[in-house]
Protein backbone atom coordinates (compact mmCIF):
# COMPACT_ATOMS: atom_id res chain seq x y z
CA MET A 1 -54.14 -62.25 35.30
CA ASN A 2 -57.95 -62.77 34.70
CA GLN A 3 -59.28 -66.09 33.16
CA SER A 4 -59.69 -64.88 29.76
CA ASP A 5 -56.07 -63.71 29.64
CA ARG A 6 -54.95 -67.11 30.94
CA ILE A 7 -56.93 -68.79 28.24
CA MET A 8 -55.51 -66.72 25.44
CA ASP A 9 -52.00 -67.27 26.90
CA PHE A 10 -52.55 -70.95 27.00
CA ILE A 11 -53.59 -71.03 23.27
CA THR A 12 -50.65 -68.96 22.22
CA ARG A 13 -48.18 -71.23 24.19
CA GLU A 14 -49.84 -74.52 23.19
CA TYR A 15 -50.46 -73.99 19.54
CA ALA A 16 -48.42 -70.84 18.74
CA ASP A 17 -51.61 -69.16 17.40
CA LYS A 18 -52.15 -65.55 17.95
CA PRO A 19 -55.61 -64.05 18.12
CA ASP A 20 -57.12 -62.48 14.99
CA TYR A 21 -59.30 -59.51 15.58
CA LEU A 22 -61.67 -59.80 12.51
CA PHE A 23 -64.53 -57.57 13.50
CA GLU A 24 -64.95 -53.88 14.24
CA THR A 25 -65.02 -54.53 17.94
CA SER A 26 -61.54 -55.20 19.22
CA ASP A 27 -62.89 -57.45 21.99
CA THR A 28 -63.54 -60.48 19.74
CA ALA A 29 -60.53 -62.58 19.28
CA VAL A 30 -60.69 -65.55 16.86
CA PHE A 31 -58.08 -68.35 17.00
CA ARG A 32 -57.57 -70.18 13.61
CA LYS A 33 -55.76 -73.32 12.54
CA GLY A 34 -53.89 -74.41 9.39
CA LYS A 35 -53.65 -73.07 5.90
CA ARG A 36 -57.45 -72.86 5.57
CA LYS A 37 -57.63 -70.82 8.76
CA LYS A 38 -60.50 -72.77 10.31
CA TRP A 39 -61.80 -71.37 13.53
CA TYR A 40 -61.39 -73.44 16.76
CA ALA A 41 -61.80 -70.87 19.47
CA VAL A 42 -63.47 -67.47 19.78
CA VAL A 43 -63.09 -65.21 22.84
CA MET A 44 -65.60 -62.36 23.19
CA ASN A 45 -67.38 -60.11 25.56
CA ILE A 46 -71.12 -60.25 25.60
CA SER A 47 -74.02 -59.31 27.76
CA ARG A 48 -74.99 -62.05 30.13
CA SER A 49 -78.52 -61.72 28.90
CA LYS A 50 -77.38 -63.12 25.44
CA LEU A 51 -76.77 -66.38 27.53
CA GLY A 52 -80.26 -66.28 29.05
CA LEU A 53 -78.91 -64.90 32.29
CA LYS A 54 -80.80 -62.13 34.11
CA SER A 55 -78.25 -59.34 33.71
CA ASP A 56 -76.99 -56.96 31.03
CA GLU A 57 -73.56 -56.87 32.70
CA LYS A 58 -70.81 -57.88 30.20
CA VAL A 59 -68.95 -61.22 30.53
CA THR A 60 -66.11 -62.82 28.67
CA VAL A 61 -66.94 -66.11 26.96
CA LEU A 62 -65.19 -68.73 24.90
CA ASN A 63 -66.82 -70.57 21.89
CA VAL A 64 -65.29 -73.93 21.11
CA LYS A 65 -66.09 -76.67 18.65
CA LEU A 66 -67.02 -80.02 20.43
CA ASN A 67 -68.47 -83.34 19.53
CA PRO A 68 -72.24 -82.92 19.16
CA ASN A 69 -72.98 -85.65 21.85
CA ASP A 70 -70.74 -83.58 24.32
CA VAL A 71 -72.46 -80.34 23.46
CA ALA A 72 -75.75 -81.91 24.29
CA LEU A 73 -74.51 -83.09 27.63
CA LEU A 74 -72.48 -80.04 28.64
CA VAL A 75 -75.05 -77.27 28.05
CA ASP A 76 -77.00 -78.52 31.01
CA ARG A 77 -73.97 -78.02 33.30
CA LYS A 78 -73.11 -74.71 35.15
CA GLY A 79 -70.81 -72.52 32.99
CA TYR A 80 -71.78 -74.10 29.61
CA PHE A 81 -74.27 -72.62 27.31
CA PRO A 82 -75.63 -73.17 23.78
CA ALA A 83 -73.20 -71.50 21.40
CA TYR A 84 -73.64 -67.74 21.07
CA HIS A 85 -73.69 -66.86 17.46
CA MET A 86 -72.41 -70.24 16.19
CA ASN A 87 -73.93 -73.59 15.19
CA LYS A 88 -75.44 -74.91 18.39
CA LYS A 89 -75.05 -78.55 17.42
CA HIS A 90 -71.23 -78.36 17.04
CA TRP A 91 -70.29 -75.29 19.21
CA CYS A 92 -70.59 -74.58 22.90
CA THR A 93 -70.12 -71.28 24.81
CA LEU A 94 -68.11 -71.45 28.07
CA ILE A 95 -68.26 -68.57 30.55
CA LEU A 96 -64.93 -67.20 31.63
CA ASP A 97 -65.82 -65.78 35.01
CA GLY A 98 -64.18 -68.49 37.13
CA THR A 99 -67.23 -70.77 37.17
CA LEU A 100 -65.10 -73.31 35.20
CA SER A 101 -61.64 -74.17 36.15
CA ASP A 102 -58.77 -73.27 33.66
CA ASP A 103 -58.03 -76.97 33.16
CA GLU A 104 -61.64 -77.67 32.13
CA VAL A 105 -61.52 -74.87 29.63
CA PHE A 106 -58.08 -75.87 28.42
CA SER A 107 -59.46 -79.42 27.80
CA ALA A 108 -62.26 -78.00 25.79
CA ILE A 109 -59.86 -75.96 23.70
CA CYS A 110 -57.74 -78.99 23.04
CA CYS A 111 -60.84 -80.97 21.85
CA SER A 112 -61.90 -78.12 19.61
CA TYR A 113 -58.40 -77.81 18.12
CA SER A 114 -58.35 -81.46 17.34
CA LEU A 115 -61.89 -81.50 15.83
CA VAL A 116 -61.02 -78.70 13.36
CA LYS A 117 -59.41 -80.34 10.27
C-alpha cells in the first residue's frame, strides 16, 4: 500500500470520514468535518514543478490546516511546502512520497482536524 493510500485509510479509520471528490478530476480527495463540511485535508496529484521542484513528474500531496506559526517553521523543512492552491498562512502541503514518515503526516492531520471548527 502506498503512502497516500495509508493516509486516506488513517483518516477513514480515525474520523470515519470518507473522501469527497468535488472536482472534475477524480484524483483530488477532500476530507470534510461536521455539519458545515469544513475542509481539513486534501489529497491530490500535482506536478512536482507546482511545488518549486525541478520535475514535471506527478506526485501525491496532502494539504492540511496548521497553526500559522507552525506553517512558517515547517515550510523550511524537507517534505513541507507552502500550500498549493490554499491560503499559505494557514495551510501547508506535505509531499506523500515517503520523505515524511506516516506518523508525522498523521500528526499533521490530527492538528488540522482539531483546528477546523
